[in-house]
Structures are given as C-alpha cells and as structure tokens.
C-alpha atoms as a PDB file:
ATOM      1  CA  MET A   1      82.680 169.771 113.613  1.00  0.00           C
ATOM      2  CA  LYS A   2      85.525 171.852 114.932  1.00  0.00           C
ATOM      3  CA  ASP A   3      87.015 172.467 118.341  1.00  0.00           C
ATOM      4  CA  GLU A   4      87.623 176.206 118.542  1.00  0.00           C
ATOM      5  CA  LYS A   5      90.502 175.984 121.027  1.00  0.00           C
ATOM      6  CA  THR A   6      92.626 173.319 119.320  1.00  0.00           C
ATOM      7  CA  CYS A   7      91.226 173.638 115.754  1.00  0.00           C
ATOM      8  CA  PHE A   8      90.720 169.853 115.811  1.00  0.00           C
ATOM      9  CA  ARG A   9      88.307 169.032 112.980  1.00  0.00           C
ATOM     10  CA  TYR A  10      86.086 166.051 112.255  1.00  0.00           C
ATOM     11  CA  VAL A  11      84.125 165.583 109.040  1.00  0.00           C
ATOM     12  CA  THR A  12      81.394 163.072 108.406  1.00  0.00           C
ATOM     13  CA  PHE A  13      78.670 162.879 105.785  1.00  0.00           C
ATOM     14  CA  LEU A  14      75.077 162.195 106.747  1.00  0.00           C
ATOM     15  CA  LYS A  15      72.298 160.708 104.658  1.00  0.00           C
ATOM     16  CA  LYS A  16      69.635 161.845 107.138  1.00  0.00           C
ATOM     17  CA  LYS A  17      69.446 164.511 109.840  1.00  0.00           C
ATOM     18  CA  SER A  18      68.503 161.778 112.296  1.00  0.00           C
ATOM     19  CA  GLU A  19      72.099 160.498 112.114  1.00  0.00           C
ATOM     20  CA  ALA A  20      73.481 163.785 113.510  1.00  0.00           C
ATOM     21  CA  ALA A  21      73.061 162.957 117.203  1.00  0.00           C
ATOM     22  CA  GLN A  22      75.080 159.753 116.984  1.00  0.00           C
ATOM     23  CA  CYS A  23      77.774 161.514 114.916  1.00  0.00           C
ATOM     24  CA  VAL A  24      78.106 164.267 117.536  1.00  0.00           C
ATOM     25  CA  ILE A  25      78.444 161.675 120.300  1.00  0.00           C
ATOM     26  CA  THR A  26      81.043 159.777 118.260  1.00  0.00           C
ATOM     27  CA  PHE A  27      82.995 162.996 117.648  1.00  0.00           C
ATOM     28  CA  LEU A  28      83.002 163.969 121.318  1.00  0.00           C
ATOM     29  CA  LYS A  29      84.244 160.531 122.387  1.00  0.00           C
ATOM     30  CA  PHE A  30      86.850 160.458 119.592  1.00  0.00           C
ATOM     31  CA  PHE A  31      88.065 163.956 120.514  1.00  0.00           C
ATOM     32  CA  LYS A  32      88.413 163.019 124.184  1.00  0.00           C
ATOM     33  CA  ASN A  33      90.343 159.832 123.352  1.00  0.00           C
ATOM     34  CA  GLN A  34      92.672 161.544 120.861  1.00  0.00           C
ATOM     35  CA  THR A  35      93.456 164.714 122.795  1.00  0.00           C
ATOM     36  CA  GLY A  36      92.796 163.793 126.429  1.00  0.00           C
ATOM     37  CA  ARG A  37      90.723 166.965 126.759  1.00  0.00           C
ATOM     38  CA  ASN A  38      87.085 167.260 127.769  1.00  0.00           C
ATOM     39  CA  ILE A  39      84.540 169.325 125.888  1.00  0.00           C
ATOM     40  CA  LYS A  40      82.873 171.807 128.240  1.00  0.00           C
ATOM     41  CA  THR A  41      80.485 173.561 125.847  1.00  0.00           C
ATOM     42  CA  PHE A  42      78.901 172.399 122.593  1.00  0.00           C
ATOM     43  CA  VAL A  43      77.736 175.257 120.355  1.00  0.00           C
ATOM     44  CA  SER A  44      75.207 174.659 117.593  1.00  0.00           C
ATOM     45  CA  ASP A  45      72.571 176.530 115.626  1.00  0.00           C
ATOM     46  CA  ASN A  46      69.868 174.741 117.678  1.00  0.00           C
ATOM     47  CA  GLY A  47      68.630 172.950 114.580  1.00  0.00           C
ATOM     48  CA  THR A  48      66.218 170.103 115.191  1.00  0.00           C
ATOM     49  CA  GLU A  49      69.006 167.591 114.636  1.00  0.00           C
ATOM     50  CA  PHE A  50      70.853 168.955 117.687  1.00  0.00           C
ATOM     51  CA  VAL A  51      67.863 169.440 119.990  1.00  0.00           C
ATOM     52  CA  CYS A  52      66.847 165.868 120.728  1.00  0.00           C
ATOM     53  CA  GLU A  53      66.548 163.645 123.783  1.00  0.00           C
ATOM     54  CA  GLU A  54      69.547 161.507 122.787  1.00  0.00           C
ATOM     55  CA  LEU A  55      71.959 164.460 122.729  1.00  0.00           C
ATOM     56  CA  THR A  56      70.366 166.217 125.691  1.00  0.00           C
ATOM     57  CA  GLY A  57      70.806 163.093 127.804  1.00  0.00           C
ATOM     58  CA  PHE A  58      74.397 162.609 126.650  1.00  0.00           C
ATOM     59  CA  PHE A  59      75.283 166.236 127.388  1.00  0.00           C
ATOM     60  CA  ARG A  60      73.705 165.940 130.846  1.00  0.00           C
ATOM     61  CA  GLU A  61      75.655 162.737 131.651  1.00  0.00           C
ATOM     62  CA  GLU A  62      78.957 164.203 130.470  1.00  0.00           C
ATOM     63  CA  GLY A  63      78.447 167.645 132.033  1.00  0.00           C
ATOM     64  CA  ILE A  64      78.534 169.444 128.698  1.00  0.00           C
ATOM     65  CA  ALA A  65      76.678 172.757 128.320  1.00  0.00           C
ATOM     66  CA  HIS A  66      74.682 173.168 125.106  1.00  0.00           C
END
C-alpha cells in the first residue's frame, strides 16, 4: 500500500485474500501513528478482498471514503 501524498509505503505478504481487510486496517492505524495524518480516501480496484463488511464498517467509523 502507498500513500500518494507522502509516498509512505507499507508491504505485507498474504497467504489468503481473506487476510487483506485486517492488513488494510493495520496499515491505516500504523500510518496514522507514524505520521500523525489521517487518511481521507482509500482507493482500491474494488476487488472482493476490499469490498467486505469488516472494511466497510471500519471506513464508516473512521470517516474514510472508499
């Protein structure tokens, strides 16, 4: 994952697509803690790993547009 504004990058390897949601959440929290900045928009290819209730709920709670 990459933040377009700061070019902050985060790499993780997944064994299953089902692990993607938790990795995205971990990245967003890590990014916020490291930079002090909030993510306003998360852009993805709308693959099934990114369109799930876990991520949708997290984005809604944090005020992140997807």
